[in-house]
Structure formats: structure tokens, C-alpha cells
């Protein structure tokens, strides 16, 4: 008979999280789904800087 090294936790609701030992799951922070889809100023700054960098790189190769 093959046995798991760790006991499963049915409240984890995902096969990988169920296989994690309790001391690892203690540090996991639940992130609400609403906060994952918010557009922050850091996101806007990242998109703008990427746009400018790509535009300058394309212009440098053309000229």
C-alpha cells in the first residue's frame, strides 16, 4: 500500500494545497479576486515605460 508523506487537508480545495504540510500553509495569505483585477498606478507606469522603450528601440533600428 502506498501512503502519502503528508496528511491531506480537505479545506484547501486544491490538490497541490492539500499536499502541503501545515507549516507551509500557515504563511499563505488569501488574496481576494477583486484586488487582482484593480488597475494601479504602478501598472499604468509599467505599460507606459514599456511602450516608450519599445517605440524608441524600433525608431533606433529604423534610423
PDB file of N, CA and C in Angstrom:
ATOM      1  N   UNK A   1       0.838  -1.170   0.000  1.00  0.00           N
ATOM      2  CA  UNK A   1       0.000   0.000   0.000  1.00  0.00           C
ATOM      3  C   UNK A   1       0.891   1.244   0.000  1.00  0.00           C
ATOM      4  N   UNK A   2       0.544   2.207  -0.842  1.00  0.00           N
ATOM      5  CA  UNK A   2       1.309   3.440  -0.944  1.00  0.00           C
ATOM      6  C   UNK A   2       0.648   4.516  -0.095  1.00  0.00           C
ATOM      7  N   UNK A   3       1.452   5.157   0.753  1.00  0.00           N
ATOM      8  CA  UNK A   3       0.906   6.185   1.634  1.00  0.00           C
ATOM      9  C   UNK A   3       1.552   7.525   1.346  1.00  0.00           C
ATOM     10  N   UNK A   4       0.802   8.566   1.529  1.00  0.00           N
ATOM     11  CA  UNK A   4       1.308   9.923   1.339  1.00  0.00           C
ATOM     12  C   UNK A   4       2.232  10.287   2.488  1.00  0.00           C
ATOM     13  N   UNK A   5       3.175  11.183   2.205  1.00  0.00           N
ATOM     14  CA  UNK A   5       4.063  11.641   3.266  1.00  0.00           C
ATOM     15  C   UNK A   5       3.381  12.640   4.182  1.00  0.00           C
ATOM     16  N   UNK A   6       2.424  13.393   3.649  1.00  0.00           N
ATOM     17  CA  UNK A   6       1.694  14.356   4.471  1.00  0.00           C
ATOM     18  C   UNK A   6       0.210  14.027   4.424  1.00  0.00           C
ATOM     19  N   UNK A   7      -0.472  14.383   5.469  1.00  0.00           N
ATOM     20  CA  UNK A   7      -1.909  14.190   5.503  1.00  0.00           C
ATOM     21  C   UNK A   7      -2.583  15.272   4.676  1.00  0.00           C
ATOM     22  N   UNK A   8      -3.666  14.939   4.047  1.00  0.00           N
ATOM     23  CA  UNK A   8      -4.352  15.927   3.210  1.00  0.00           C
ATOM     24  C   UNK A   8      -5.257  16.800   4.065  1.00  0.00           C
ATOM     25  N   UNK A   9      -5.477  17.990   3.568  1.00  0.00           N
ATOM     26  CA  UNK A   9      -6.361  18.943   4.222  1.00  0.00           C
ATOM     27  C   UNK A   9      -7.500  19.229   3.259  1.00  0.00           C
ATOM     28  N   UNK A  10      -8.695  18.805   3.594  1.00  0.00           N
ATOM     29  CA  UNK A  10      -9.828  18.946   2.681  1.00  0.00           C
ATOM     30  C   UNK A  10     -10.298  20.382   2.545  1.00  0.00           C
ATOM     31  N   UNK A  11      -9.919  21.261   3.461  1.00  0.00           N
ATOM     32  CA  UNK A  11     -10.352  22.654   3.359  1.00  0.00           C
ATOM     33  C   UNK A  11      -9.521  23.444   2.356  1.00  0.00           C
ATOM     34  N   UNK A  12      -8.423  22.891   1.873  1.00  0.00           N
ATOM     35  CA  UNK A  12      -7.569  23.607   0.927  1.00  0.00           C
ATOM     36  C   UNK A  12      -8.231  23.701  -0.445  1.00  0.00           C
ATOM     37  N   UNK A  13      -9.010  22.712  -0.849  1.00  0.00           N
ATOM     38  CA  UNK A  13      -9.784  22.688  -2.098  1.00  0.00           C
ATOM     39  C   UNK A  13      -8.947  22.695  -3.371  1.00  0.00           C
ATOM     40  N   UNK A  14      -7.694  22.386  -3.285  1.00  0.00           N
ATOM     41  CA  UNK A  14      -6.851  22.252  -4.467  1.00  0.00           C
ATOM     42  C   UNK A  14      -5.863  21.134  -4.176  1.00  0.00           C
ATOM     43  N   UNK A  15      -5.589  20.311  -5.180  1.00  0.00           N
ATOM     44  CA  UNK A  15      -4.773  19.129  -4.928  1.00  0.00           C
ATOM     45  C   UNK A  15      -3.366  19.476  -4.454  1.00  0.00           C
ATOM     46  N   UNK A  16      -2.791  20.571  -4.957  1.00  0.00           N
ATOM     47  CA  UNK A  16      -1.442  20.935  -4.530  1.00  0.00           C
ATOM     48  C   UNK A  16      -1.447  21.503  -3.118  1.00  0.00           C
ATOM     49  N   UNK A  17      -2.428  22.354  -2.825  1.00  0.00           N
ATOM     50  CA  UNK A  17      -2.502  22.935  -1.478  1.00  0.00           C
ATOM     51  C   UNK A  17      -2.847  21.873  -0.439  1.00  0.00           C
ATOM     52  N   UNK A  18      -3.607  20.859  -0.837  1.00  0.00           N
ATOM     53  CA  UNK A  18      -3.907  19.781   0.099  1.00  0.00           C
ATOM     54  C   UNK A  18      -2.655  18.990   0.453  1.00  0.00           C
ATOM     55  N   UNK A  19      -1.694  18.932  -0.467  1.00  0.00           N
ATOM     56  CA  UNK A  19      -0.495  18.137  -0.215  1.00  0.00           C
ATOM     57  C   UNK A  19       0.560  18.887   0.598  1.00  0.00           C
ATOM     58  N   UNK A  20       0.369  20.201   0.793  1.00  0.00           N
ATOM     59  CA  UNK A  20       1.352  20.978   1.548  1.00  0.00           C
ATOM     60  C   UNK A  20       1.254  20.686   3.038  1.00  0.00           C
ATOM     61  N   UNK A  21       2.387  20.658   3.726  1.00  0.00           N
ATOM     62  CA  UNK A  21       2.348  20.479   5.175  1.00  0.00           C
ATOM     63  C   UNK A  21       1.789  21.726   5.872  1.00  0.00           C
ATOM     64  N   UNK A  22       1.285  21.580   7.094  1.00  0.00           N
ATOM     65  CA  UNK A  22       0.626  22.710   7.775  1.00  0.00           C
ATOM     66  C   UNK A  22       1.530  23.920   7.984  1.00  0.00           C
ATOM     67  N   UNK A  23       2.824  23.732   8.220  1.00  0.00           N
ATOM     68  CA  UNK A  23       3.686  24.878   8.481  1.00  0.00           C
ATOM     69  C   UNK A  23       3.896  25.733   7.228  1.00  0.00           C
ATOM     70  N   UNK A  24       3.682  25.187   6.051  1.00  0.00           N
ATOM     71  CA  UNK A  24       3.789  25.964   4.815  1.00  0.00           C
ATOM     72  C   UNK A  24       2.487  26.723   4.570  1.00  0.00           C
ATOM     73  N   UNK A  25       1.356  26.081   4.816  1.00  0.00           N
ATOM     74  CA  UNK A  25       0.055  26.722   4.588  1.00  0.00           C
ATOM     75  C   UNK A  25      -0.214  27.842   5.577  1.00  0.00           C
ATOM     76  N   UNK A  26       0.470  27.846   6.690  1.00  0.00           N
ATOM     77  CA  UNK A  26       0.246  28.871   7.698  1.00  0.00           C
ATOM     78  C   UNK A  26       0.640  30.247   7.162  1.00  0.00           C
ATOM     79  N   UNK A  27       1.646  30.305   6.274  1.00  0.00           N
ATOM     80  CA  UNK A  27       2.138  31.573   5.753  1.00  0.00           C
ATOM     81  C   UNK A  27       1.403  32.039   4.500  1.00  0.00           C
ATOM     82  N   UNK A  28       0.474  31.249   3.963  1.00  0.00           N
ATOM     83  CA  UNK A  28      -0.261  31.639   2.766  1.00  0.00           C
ATOM     84  C   UNK A  28      -1.296  32.696   3.110  1.00  0.00           C
ATOM     85  N   UNK A  29      -1.346  33.740   2.309  1.00  0.00           N
ATOM     86  CA  UNK A  29      -2.288  34.835   2.549  1.00  0.00           C
ATOM     87  C   UNK A  29      -3.363  34.775   1.477  1.00  0.00           C
ATOM     88  N   UNK A  30      -4.629  34.646   1.842  1.00  0.00           N
ATOM     89  CA  UNK A  30      -5.681  34.636   0.827  1.00  0.00           C
ATOM     90  C   UNK A  30      -5.850  36.027   0.214  1.00  0.00           C
ATOM     91  N   UNK A  31      -5.773  36.104  -1.102  1.00  0.00           N
ATOM     92  CA  UNK A  31      -5.929  37.371  -1.809  1.00  0.00           C
ATOM     93  C   UNK A  31      -7.303  37.369  -2.470  1.00  0.00           C
ATOM     94  N   UNK A  32      -8.151  38.354  -2.159  1.00  0.00           N
ATOM     95  CA  UNK A  32      -9.469  38.396  -2.802  1.00  0.00           C
ATOM     96  C   UNK A  32      -9.335  38.628  -4.303  1.00  0.00           C
ATOM     97  N   UNK A  33     -10.247  38.040  -5.059  1.00  0.00           N
ATOM     98  CA  UNK A  33     -10.180  38.126  -6.519  1.00  0.00           C
ATOM     99  C   UNK A  33     -10.389  39.545  -7.012  1.00  0.00           C
ATOM    100  N   UNK A  34     -11.109  40.364  -6.273  1.00  0.00           N
ATOM    101  CA  UNK A  34     -11.357  41.729  -6.711  1.00  0.00           C
ATOM    102  C   UNK A  34     -10.060  42.532  -6.760  1.00  0.00           C
ATOM    103  N   UNK A  35      -9.155  42.283  -5.834  1.00  0.00           N
ATOM    104  CA  UNK A  35      -7.917  43.061  -5.803  1.00  0.00           C
ATOM    105  C   UNK A  35      -6.958  42.641  -6.903  1.00  0.00           C
ATOM    106  N   UNK A  36      -7.154  41.495  -7.498  1.00  0.00           N
ATOM    107  CA  UNK A  36      -6.276  41.048  -8.577  1.00  0.00           C
ATOM    108  C   UNK A  36      -6.564  41.783  -9.881  1.00  0.00           C
ATOM    109  N   UNK A  37      -7.766  42.332 -10.030  1.00  0.00           N
ATOM    110  CA  UNK A  37      -8.168  42.980 -11.277  1.00  0.00           C
ATOM    111  C   UNK A  37      -8.152  44.493 -11.186  1.00  0.00           C
ATOM    112  N   UNK A  38      -7.630  45.047 -10.116  1.00  0.00           N
ATOM    113  CA  UNK A  38      -7.568  46.500  -9.987  1.00  0.00           C
ATOM    114  C   UNK A  38      -6.390  47.038 -10.776  1.00  0.00           C
ATOM    115  N   UNK A  39      -6.600  48.171 -11.429  1.00  0.00           N
ATOM    116  CA  UNK A  39      -5.547  48.828 -12.181  1.00  0.00           C
ATOM    117  C   UNK A  39      -4.887  49.857 -11.272  1.00  0.00           C
ATOM    118  N   UNK A  40      -3.611  49.633 -10.971  1.00  0.00           N
ATOM    119  CA  UNK A  40      -2.895  50.538 -10.078  1.00  0.00           C
ATOM    120  C   UNK A  40      -2.019  51.481 -10.881  1.00  0.00           C
ATOM    121  N   UNK A  41      -1.508  52.500 -10.207  1.00  0.00           N
ATOM    122  CA  UNK A  41      -0.618  53.459 -10.852  1.00  0.00           C
ATOM    123  C   UNK A  41       0.674  52.779 -11.292  1.00  0.00           C
ATOM    124  N   UNK A  42       1.105  51.788 -10.562  1.00  0.00           N
ATOM    125  CA  UNK A  42       2.308  51.032 -10.939  1.00  0.00           C
ATOM    126  C   UNK A  42       2.098  50.283 -12.257  1.00  0.00           C
ATOM    127  N   UNK A  43       0.892  49.761 -12.471  1.00  0.00           N
ATOM    128  CA  UNK A  43       0.574  49.091 -13.731  1.00  0.00           C
ATOM    129  C   UNK A  43       0.613  50.073 -14.904  1.00  0.00           C
ATOM    130  N   UNK A  44       0.013  51.241 -14.716  1.00  0.00           N
ATOM    131  CA  UNK A  44      -0.013  52.256 -15.771  1.00  0.00           C
ATOM    132  C   UNK A  44       1.404  52.713 -16.087  1.00  0.00           C
ATOM    133  N   UNK A  45       2.209  52.925 -15.044  1.00  0.00           N
ATOM    134  CA  UNK A  45       3.591  53.341 -15.244  1.00  0.00           C
ATOM    135  C   UNK A  45       4.388  52.273 -15.984  1.00  0.00           C
ATOM    136  N   UNK A  46       4.145  51.006 -15.682  1.00  0.00           N
ATOM    137  CA  UNK A  46       4.843  49.920 -16.358  1.00  0.00           C
ATOM    138  C   UNK A  46       4.488  49.816 -17.826  1.00  0.00           C
ATOM    139  N   UNK A  47       3.202  49.966 -18.140  1.00  0.00           N
ATOM    140  CA  UNK A  47       2.763  49.914 -19.539  1.00  0.00           C
ATOM    141  C   UNK A  47       3.330  51.097 -20.310  1.00  0.00           C
ATOM    142  N   UNK A  48       3.300  52.280 -19.703  1.00  0.00           N
ATOM    143  CA  UNK A  48       3.805  53.475 -20.383  1.00  0.00           C
ATOM    144  C   UNK A  48       5.309  53.370 -20.626  1.00  0.00           C
ATOM    145  N   UNK A  49       6.051  52.901 -19.648  1.00  0.00           N
ATOM    146  CA  UNK A  49       7.502  52.790 -19.830  1.00  0.00           C
ATOM    147  C   UNK A  49       7.855  51.718 -20.852  1.00  0.00           C
ATOM    148  N   UNK A  50       7.099  50.643 -20.897  1.00  0.00           N
ATOM    149  CA  UNK A  50       7.332  49.612 -21.910  1.00  0.00           C
ATOM    150  C   UNK A  50       7.022  50.142 -23.297  1.00  0.00           C
ATOM    151  N   UNK A  51       5.937  50.892 -23.431  1.00  0.00           N
ATOM    152  CA  UNK A  51       5.560  51.478 -24.723  1.00  0.00           C
ATOM    153  C   UNK A  51       6.646  52.425 -25.226  1.00  0.00           C
ATOM    154  N   UNK A  52       7.141  53.275 -24.340  1.00  0.00           N
ATOM    155  CA  UNK A  52       8.173  54.231 -24.728  1.00  0.00           C
ATOM    156  C   UNK A  52       9.466  53.504 -25.091  1.00  0.00           C
ATOM    157  N   UNK A  53       9.848  52.500 -24.318  1.00  0.00           N
ATOM    158  CA  UNK A  53      11.082  51.767 -24.584  1.00  0.00           C
ATOM    159  C   UNK A  53      11.015  51.035 -25.922  1.00  0.00           C
ATOM    160  N   UNK A  54       9.890  50.397 -26.215  1.00  0.00           N
ATOM    161  CA  UNK A  54       9.745  49.667 -27.479  1.00  0.00           C
ATOM    162  C   UNK A  54       9.717  50.645 -28.650  1.00  0.00           C
ATOM    163  N   UNK A  55       9.029  51.769 -28.500  1.00  0.00           N
ATOM    164  CA  UNK A  55       8.980  52.767 -29.566  1.00  0.00           C
ATOM    165  C   UNK A  55      10.373  53.318 -29.859  1.00  0.00           C
ATOM    166  N   UNK A  56      11.129  53.627 -28.834  1.00  0.00           N
ATOM    167  CA  UNK A  56      12.486  54.129 -29.025  1.00  0.00           C
ATOM    168  C   UNK A  56      13.393  53.073 -29.655  1.00  0.00           C
ATOM    169  N   UNK A  57      13.230  51.814 -29.267  1.00  0.00           N
ATOM    170  CA  UNK A  57      14.047  50.740 -29.838  1.00  0.00           C
ATOM    171  C   UNK A  57      13.732  50.554 -31.315  1.00  0.00           C
ATOM    172  N   UNK A  58      12.470  50.588 -31.690  1.00  0.00           N
ATOM    173  CA  UNK A  58      12.073  50.442 -33.089  1.00  0.00           C
ATOM    174  C   UNK A  58      12.592  51.620 -33.910  1.00  0.00           C
ATOM    175  N   UNK A  59      12.456  52.821 -33.378  1.00  0.00           N
ATOM    176  CA  UNK A  59      12.968  54.009 -34.083  1.00  0.00           C
ATOM    177  C   UNK A  59      14.487  53.960 -34.229  1.00  0.00           C
ATOM    178  N   UNK A  60      15.172  53.444 -33.225  1.00  0.00           N
ATOM    179  CA  UNK A  60      16.635  53.348 -33.298  1.00  0.00           C
ATOM    180  C   UNK A  60      17.058  52.354 -34.383  1.00  0.00           C
ATOM    181  N   UNK A  61      16.328  51.275 -34.541  1.00  0.00           N
ATOM    182  CA  UNK A  61      16.668  50.301 -35.576  1.00  0.00           C
ATOM    183  C   UNK A  61      16.295  50.788 -36.972  1.00  0.00           C
ATOM    184  N   UNK A  62      15.253  51.621 -37.072  1.00  0.00           N
ATOM    185  CA  UNK A  62      14.820  52.125 -38.383  1.00  0.00           C
ATOM    186  C   UNK A  62      15.787  53.208 -38.855  1.00  0.00           C
ATOM    187  N   UNK A  63      16.169  54.101 -37.962  1.00  0.00           N
ATOM    188  CA  UNK A  63      17.007  55.248 -38.348  1.00  0.00           C
ATOM    189  C   UNK A  63      18.449  54.881 -38.392  1.00  0.00           C
TER     190      UNK A  63
END
